[in-house]
Amino acid sequence: VRGCMVIKPYGYAIWEKMQSVLDKM
């Protein structure tokens, strides 16, 4: 899909960590 990305497992693992910390904050 033009302009859209696939976030791969390693990248998503970093985002999940960000999400988890921010969610707690």
PDB file of all heavy atoms in Angstrom:
ATOM      1  N   VAL A   1       0.856  -1.183   0.000  1.00  0.00           N
ATOM      2  CA  VAL A   1       0.000   0.000   0.000  1.00  0.00           C
ATOM      3  C   VAL A   1       0.893   1.235   0.000  1.00  0.00           C
ATOM      4  O   VAL A   1       1.667   1.444   0.939  1.00  0.00           O
ATOM      5  CB  VAL A   1      -0.935   0.025   1.227  1.00  0.00           C
ATOM      6  CG1 VAL A   1      -1.847   1.238   1.172  1.00  0.00           C
ATOM      7  CG2 VAL A   1      -1.742  -1.272   1.308  1.00  0.00           C
ATOM      8  N   ARG A   2       0.795   2.049  -1.000  1.00  0.00           N
ATOM      9  CA  ARG A   2       1.679   3.205  -1.130  1.00  0.00           C
ATOM     10  C   ARG A   2       1.613   4.092   0.115  1.00  0.00           C
ATOM     11  O   ARG A   2       0.541   4.482   0.563  1.00  0.00           O
ATOM     12  CB  ARG A   2       1.284   4.022  -2.362  1.00  0.00           C
ATOM     13  CG  ARG A   2       2.221   5.186  -2.654  1.00  0.00           C
ATOM     14  CD  ARG A   2       1.750   5.957  -3.888  1.00  0.00           C
ATOM     15  NE  ARG A   2       2.630   7.040  -4.207  1.00  0.00           N
ATOM     16  CZ  ARG A   2       2.601   8.244  -3.627  1.00  0.00           C
ATOM     17  NH1 ARG A   2       1.713   8.478  -2.672  1.00  0.00           N
ATOM     18  NH2 ARG A   2       3.440   9.196  -3.984  1.00  0.00           N
ATOM     19  N   GLY A   3       2.806   4.380   0.649  1.00  0.00           N
ATOM     20  CA  GLY A   3       2.878   5.279   1.789  1.00  0.00           C
ATOM     21  C   GLY A   3       2.661   4.620   3.132  1.00  0.00           C
ATOM     22  O   GLY A   3       2.760   5.282   4.163  1.00  0.00           O
ATOM     23  N   CYS A   4       2.357   3.320   3.138  1.00  0.00           N
ATOM     24  CA  CYS A   4       2.129   2.609   4.404  1.00  0.00           C
ATOM     25  C   CYS A   4       3.281   1.650   4.669  1.00  0.00           C
ATOM     26  O   CYS A   4       3.924   1.158   3.746  1.00  0.00           O
ATOM     27  CB  CYS A   4       0.815   1.840   4.369  1.00  0.00           C
ATOM     28  SG  CYS A   4      -0.647   2.905   4.285  1.00  0.00           S
ATOM     29  N   MET A   5       3.530   1.358   5.940  1.00  0.00           N
ATOM     30  CA  MET A   5       4.668   0.522   6.301  1.00  0.00           C
ATOM     31  C   MET A   5       4.213  -0.748   7.011  1.00  0.00           C
ATOM     32  O   MET A   5       3.141  -0.812   7.607  1.00  0.00           O
ATOM     33  CB  MET A   5       5.631   1.292   7.205  1.00  0.00           C
ATOM     34  CG  MET A   5       5.074   1.712   8.545  1.00  0.00           C
ATOM     35  SD  MET A   5       6.283   2.595   9.564  1.00  0.00           S
ATOM     36  CE  MET A   5       5.209   3.280  10.841  1.00  0.00           C
ATOM     37  N   VAL A   6       5.077  -1.742   6.932  1.00  0.00           N
ATOM     38  CA  VAL A   6       4.971  -2.944   7.762  1.00  0.00           C
ATOM     39  C   VAL A   6       5.989  -2.787   8.886  1.00  0.00           C
ATOM     40  O   VAL A   6       7.185  -2.632   8.618  1.00  0.00           O
ATOM     41  CB  VAL A   6       5.279  -4.214   6.950  1.00  0.00           C
ATOM     42  CG1 VAL A   6       5.317  -5.433   7.873  1.00  0.00           C
ATOM     43  CG2 VAL A   6       4.260  -4.409   5.842  1.00  0.00           C
ATOM     44  N   ILE A   7       5.531  -2.772  10.114  1.00  0.00           N
ATOM     45  CA  ILE A   7       6.453  -2.743  11.251  1.00  0.00           C
ATOM     46  C   ILE A   7       6.792  -4.192  11.577  1.00  0.00           C
ATOM     47  O   ILE A   7       5.918  -4.985  11.933  1.00  0.00           O
ATOM     48  CB  ILE A   7       5.828  -2.043  12.472  1.00  0.00           C
ATOM     49  CG1 ILE A   7       5.384  -0.627  12.104  1.00  0.00           C
ATOM     50  CG2 ILE A   7       6.833  -1.996  13.625  1.00  0.00           C
ATOM     51  CD1 ILE A   7       4.676   0.108  13.217  1.00  0.00           C
ATOM     52  N   LYS A   8       8.056  -4.554  11.444  1.00  0.00           N
ATOM     53  CA  LYS A   8       8.480  -5.936  11.625  1.00  0.00           C
ATOM     54  C   LYS A   8       8.622  -6.260  13.123  1.00  0.00           C
ATOM     55  O   LYS A   8       8.632  -5.344  13.964  1.00  0.00           O
ATOM     56  CB  LYS A   8       9.783  -6.168  10.858  1.00  0.00           C
ATOM     57  CG  LYS A   8       9.603  -5.943   9.343  1.00  0.00           C
ATOM     58  CD  LYS A   8      10.878  -6.171   8.567  1.00  0.00           C
ATOM     59  CE  LYS A   8      11.200  -7.640   8.435  1.00  0.00           C
ATOM     60  NZ  LYS A   8      12.358  -7.853   7.536  1.00  0.00           N
ATOM     61  N   PRO A   9       8.707  -7.545  13.468  1.00  0.00           N
ATOM     62  CA  PRO A   9       8.703  -7.925  14.888  1.00  0.00           C
ATOM     63  C   PRO A   9       9.734  -7.199  15.747  1.00  0.00           C
ATOM     64  O   PRO A   9       9.420  -6.783  16.870  1.00  0.00           O
ATOM     65  CB  PRO A   9       8.962  -9.436  14.838  1.00  0.00           C
ATOM     66  CG  PRO A   9       8.340  -9.864  13.554  1.00  0.00           C
ATOM     67  CD  PRO A   9       8.620  -8.740  12.587  1.00  0.00           C
ATOM     68  N   TYR A  10      10.959  -7.020  15.244  1.00  0.00           N
ATOM     69  CA  TYR A  10      11.979  -6.351  16.071  1.00  0.00           C
ATOM     70  C   TYR A  10      11.616  -4.888  16.300  1.00  0.00           C
ATOM     71  O   TYR A  10      11.762  -4.358  17.407  1.00  0.00           O
ATOM     72  CB  TYR A  10      13.349  -6.470  15.403  1.00  0.00           C
ATOM     73  CG  TYR A  10      14.502  -6.086  16.307  1.00  0.00           C
ATOM     74  CD1 TYR A  10      14.787  -6.822  17.449  1.00  0.00           C
ATOM     75  CD2 TYR A  10      15.312  -4.996  16.004  1.00  0.00           C
ATOM     76  CE1 TYR A  10      15.852  -6.483  18.276  1.00  0.00           C
ATOM     77  CE2 TYR A  10      16.380  -4.652  16.819  1.00  0.00           C
ATOM     78  CZ  TYR A  10      16.634  -5.393  17.965  1.00  0.00           C
ATOM     79  OH  TYR A  10      17.681  -5.044  18.789  1.00  0.00           O
ATOM     80  N   GLY A  11      11.130  -4.229  15.254  1.00  0.00           N
ATOM     81  CA  GLY A  11      10.691  -2.838  15.407  1.00  0.00           C
ATOM     82  C   GLY A  11       9.482  -2.731  16.307  1.00  0.00           C
ATOM     83  O   GLY A  11       9.383  -1.819  17.144  1.00  0.00           O
ATOM     84  N   TYR A  12       8.552  -3.673  16.156  1.00  0.00           N
ATOM     85  CA  TYR A  12       7.342  -3.618  16.982  1.00  0.00           C
ATOM     86  C   TYR A  12       7.657  -3.909  18.441  1.00  0.00           C
ATOM     87  O   TYR A  12       6.998  -3.378  19.340  1.00  0.00           O
ATOM     88  CB  TYR A  12       6.284  -4.594  16.455  1.00  0.00           C
ATOM     89  CG  TYR A  12       4.900  -4.242  16.939  1.00  0.00           C
ATOM     90  CD1 TYR A  12       4.170  -3.249  16.286  1.00  0.00           C
ATOM     91  CD2 TYR A  12       4.351  -4.843  18.060  1.00  0.00           C
ATOM     92  CE1 TYR A  12       2.899  -2.890  16.733  1.00  0.00           C
ATOM     93  CE2 TYR A  12       3.086  -4.487  18.508  1.00  0.00           C
ATOM     94  CZ  TYR A  12       2.371  -3.516  17.849  1.00  0.00           C
ATOM     95  OH  TYR A  12       1.131  -3.156  18.307  1.00  0.00           O
ATOM     96  N   ALA A  13       8.684  -4.719  18.690  1.00  0.00           N
ATOM     97  CA  ALA A  13       9.085  -4.997  20.079  1.00  0.00           C
ATOM     98  C   ALA A  13       9.548  -3.722  20.777  1.00  0.00           C
ATOM     99  O   ALA A  13       9.273  -3.513  21.966  1.00  0.00           O
ATOM    100  CB  ALA A  13      10.185  -6.056  20.107  1.00  0.00           C
ATOM    101  N   ILE A  14      10.250  -2.860  20.031  1.00  0.00           N
ATOM    102  CA  ILE A  14      10.670  -1.574  20.606  1.00  0.00           C
ATOM    103  C   ILE A  14       9.446  -0.706  20.871  1.00  0.00           C
ATOM    104  O   ILE A  14       9.312  -0.091  21.933  1.00  0.00           O
ATOM    105  CB  ILE A  14      11.657  -0.857  19.666  1.00  0.00           C
ATOM    106  CG1 ILE A  14      12.920  -1.698  19.471  1.00  0.00           C
ATOM    107  CG2 ILE A  14      12.025   0.521  20.225  1.00  0.00           C
ATOM    108  CD1 ILE A  14      13.855  -1.165  18.394  1.00  0.00           C
ATOM    109  N   TRP A  15       8.533  -0.638  19.892  1.00  0.00           N
ATOM    110  CA  TRP A  15       7.310   0.147  20.069  1.00  0.00           C
ATOM    111  C   TRP A  15       6.499  -0.377  21.249  1.00  0.00           C
ATOM    112  O   TRP A  15       5.942   0.416  22.024  1.00  0.00           O
ATOM    113  CB  TRP A  15       6.501   0.129  18.787  1.00  0.00           C
ATOM    114  CG  TRP A  15       5.162   0.801  18.905  1.00  0.00           C
ATOM    115  CD1 TRP A  15       3.928   0.218  18.803  1.00  0.00           C
ATOM    116  CD2 TRP A  15       4.906   2.196  19.167  1.00  0.00           C
ATOM    117  NE1 TRP A  15       2.928   1.148  18.982  1.00  0.00           N
ATOM    118  CE2 TRP A  15       3.504   2.369  19.198  1.00  0.00           C
ATOM    119  CE3 TRP A  15       5.731   3.297  19.361  1.00  0.00           C
ATOM    120  CZ2 TRP A  15       2.906   3.609  19.437  1.00  0.00           C
ATOM    121  CZ3 TRP A  15       5.141   4.541  19.589  1.00  0.00           C
ATOM    122  CH2 TRP A  15       3.746   4.690  19.622  1.00  0.00           C
ATOM    123  N   GLU A  16       6.426  -1.691  21.418  1.00  0.00           N
ATOM    124  CA  GLU A  16       5.691  -2.264  22.547  1.00  0.00           C
ATOM    125  C   GLU A  16       6.278  -1.815  23.880  1.00  0.00           C
ATOM    126  O   GLU A  16       5.538  -1.543  24.835  1.00  0.00           O
ATOM    127  CB  GLU A  16       5.691  -3.786  22.471  1.00  0.00           C
ATOM    128  CG  GLU A  16       4.672  -4.370  21.516  1.00  0.00           C
ATOM    129  CD  GLU A  16       4.660  -5.876  21.548  1.00  0.00           C
ATOM    130  OE1 GLU A  16       5.744  -6.483  21.491  1.00  0.00           O
ATOM    131  OE2 GLU A  16       3.563  -6.464  21.633  1.00  0.00           O
ATOM    132  N   LYS A  17       7.602  -1.748  23.946  1.00  0.00           N
ATOM    133  CA  LYS A  17       8.238  -1.262  25.182  1.00  0.00           C
ATOM    134  C   LYS A  17       7.872   0.193  25.426  1.00  0.00           C
ATOM    135  O   LYS A  17       7.545   0.596  26.551  1.00  0.00           O
ATOM    136  CB  LYS A  17       9.758  -1.427  25.103  1.00  0.00           C
ATOM    137  CG  LYS A  17      10.252  -2.809  25.462  1.00  0.00           C
ATOM    138  CD  LYS A  17      11.712  -2.765  25.892  1.00  0.00           C
ATOM    139  CE  LYS A  17      12.097  -4.044  26.617  1.00  0.00           C
ATOM    140  NZ  LYS A  17      13.455  -3.972  27.203  1.00  0.00           N
ATOM    141  N   MET A  18       7.940   1.010  24.383  1.00  0.00           N
ATOM    142  CA  MET A  18       7.539   2.415  24.506  1.00  0.00           C
ATOM    143  C   MET A  18       6.092   2.506  24.985  1.00  0.00           C
ATOM    144  O   MET A  18       5.771   3.265  25.919  1.00  0.00           O
ATOM    145  CB  MET A  18       7.679   3.130  23.160  1.00  0.00           C
ATOM    146  CG  MET A  18       9.085   3.340  22.676  1.00  0.00           C
ATOM    147  SD  MET A  18       9.049   4.233  21.091  1.00  0.00           S
ATOM    148  CE  MET A  18      10.797   4.597  20.873  1.00  0.00           C
ATOM    149  N   GLN A  19       5.238   1.749  24.341  1.00  0.00           N
ATOM    150  CA  GLN A  19       3.812   1.770  24.645  1.00  0.00           C
ATOM    151  C   GLN A  19       3.558   1.362  26.089  1.00  0.00           C
ATOM    152  O   GLN A  19       2.770   1.995  26.801  1.00  0.00           O
ATOM    153  CB  GLN A  19       3.090   0.818  23.686  1.00  0.00           C
ATOM    154  CG  GLN A  19       1.584   0.841  23.753  1.00  0.00           C
ATOM    155  CD  GLN A  19       0.970  -0.127  22.762  1.00  0.00           C
ATOM    156  OE1 GLN A  19       1.503  -1.217  22.516  1.00  0.00           O
ATOM    157  NE2 GLN A  19      -0.142   0.248  22.170  1.00  0.00           N
ATOM    158  N   SER A  20       4.246   0.319  26.535  1.00  0.00           N
ATOM    159  CA  SER A  20       4.048  -0.182  27.894  1.00  0.00           C
ATOM    160  C   SER A  20       4.429   0.859  28.937  1.00  0.00           C
ATOM    161  O   SER A  20       3.699   1.091  29.913  1.00  0.00           O
ATOM    162  CB  SER A  20       4.870  -1.464  28.090  1.00  0.00           C
ATOM    163  OG  SER A  20       4.801  -1.907  29.422  1.00  0.00           O
ATOM    164  N   VAL A  21       5.573   1.503  28.724  1.00  0.00           N
ATOM    165  CA  VAL A  21       6.045   2.510  29.683  1.00  0.00           C
ATOM    166  C   VAL A  21       5.120   3.718  29.695  1.00  0.00           C
ATOM    167  O   VAL A  21       4.701   4.209  30.752  1.00  0.00           O
ATOM    168  CB  VAL A  21       7.484   2.944  29.346  1.00  0.00           C
ATOM    169  CG1 VAL A  21       7.915   4.100  30.250  1.00  0.00           C
ATOM    170  CG2 VAL A  21       8.442   1.769  29.493  1.00  0.00           C
ATOM    171  N   LEU A  22       4.783   4.221  28.506  1.00  0.00           N
ATOM    172  CA  LEU A  22       3.904   5.386  28.426  1.00  0.00           C
ATOM    173  C   LEU A  22       2.531   5.083  29.021  1.00  0.00           C
ATOM    174  O   LEU A  22       1.941   5.912  29.715  1.00  0.00           O
ATOM    175  CB  LEU A  22       3.759   5.838  26.975  1.00  0.00           C
ATOM    176  CG  LEU A  22       4.948   6.611  26.396  1.00  0.00           C
ATOM    177  CD1 LEU A  22       4.861   6.671  24.882  1.00  0.00           C
ATOM    178  CD2 LEU A  22       5.026   8.019  26.989  1.00  0.00           C
ATOM    179  N   ASP A  23       2.021   3.891  28.744  1.00  0.00           N
ATOM    180  CA  ASP A  23       0.712   3.516  29.263  1.00  0.00           C
ATOM    181  C   ASP A  23       0.699   3.578  30.791  1.00  0.00           C
ATOM    182  O   ASP A  23      -0.257   4.070  31.394  1.00  0.00           O
ATOM    183  CB  ASP A  23       0.344   2.117  28.782  1.00  0.00           C
ATOM    184  CG  ASP A  23      -1.133   1.812  28.938  1.00  0.00           C
ATOM    185  OD1 ASP A  23      -1.942   2.500  28.295  1.00  0.00           O
ATOM    186  OD2 ASP A  23      -1.476   0.897  29.710  1.00  0.00           O
ATOM    187  N   LYS A  24       1.769   3.095  31.402  1.00  0.00           N
ATOM    188  CA  LYS A  24       1.859   3.157  32.869  1.00  0.00           C
ATOM    189  C   LYS A  24       1.955   4.598  33.352  1.00  0.00           C
ATOM    190  O   LYS A  24       1.335   4.984  34.354  1.00  0.00           O
ATOM    191  CB  LYS A  24       3.061   2.356  33.368  1.00  0.00           C
ATOM    192  CG  LYS A  24       3.156   2.306  34.899  1.00  0.00           C
ATOM    193  CD  LYS A  24       4.323   1.464  35.352  1.00  0.00           C
ATOM    194  CE  LYS A  24       4.299   1.293  36.866  1.00  0.00           C
ATOM    195  NZ  LYS A  24       4.308   2.572  37.605  1.00  0.00           N
ATOM    196  N   MET A  25       2.733   5.420  32.640  1.00  0.00           N
ATOM    197  CA  MET A  25       2.862   6.831  33.021  1.00  0.00           C
ATOM    198  C   MET A  25       1.510   7.533  32.940  1.00  0.00           C
ATOM    199  O   MET A  25       1.174   8.356  33.792  1.00  0.00           O
ATOM    200  CB  MET A  25       3.901   7.530  32.138  1.00  0.00           C
ATOM    201  CG  MET A  25       5.314   6.996  32.307  1.00  0.00           C
ATOM    202  SD  MET A  25       6.525   7.728  31.169  1.00  0.00           S
ATOM    203  CE  MET A  25       6.922   9.249  32.032  1.00  0.00           C
TER     204      MET A  25
END
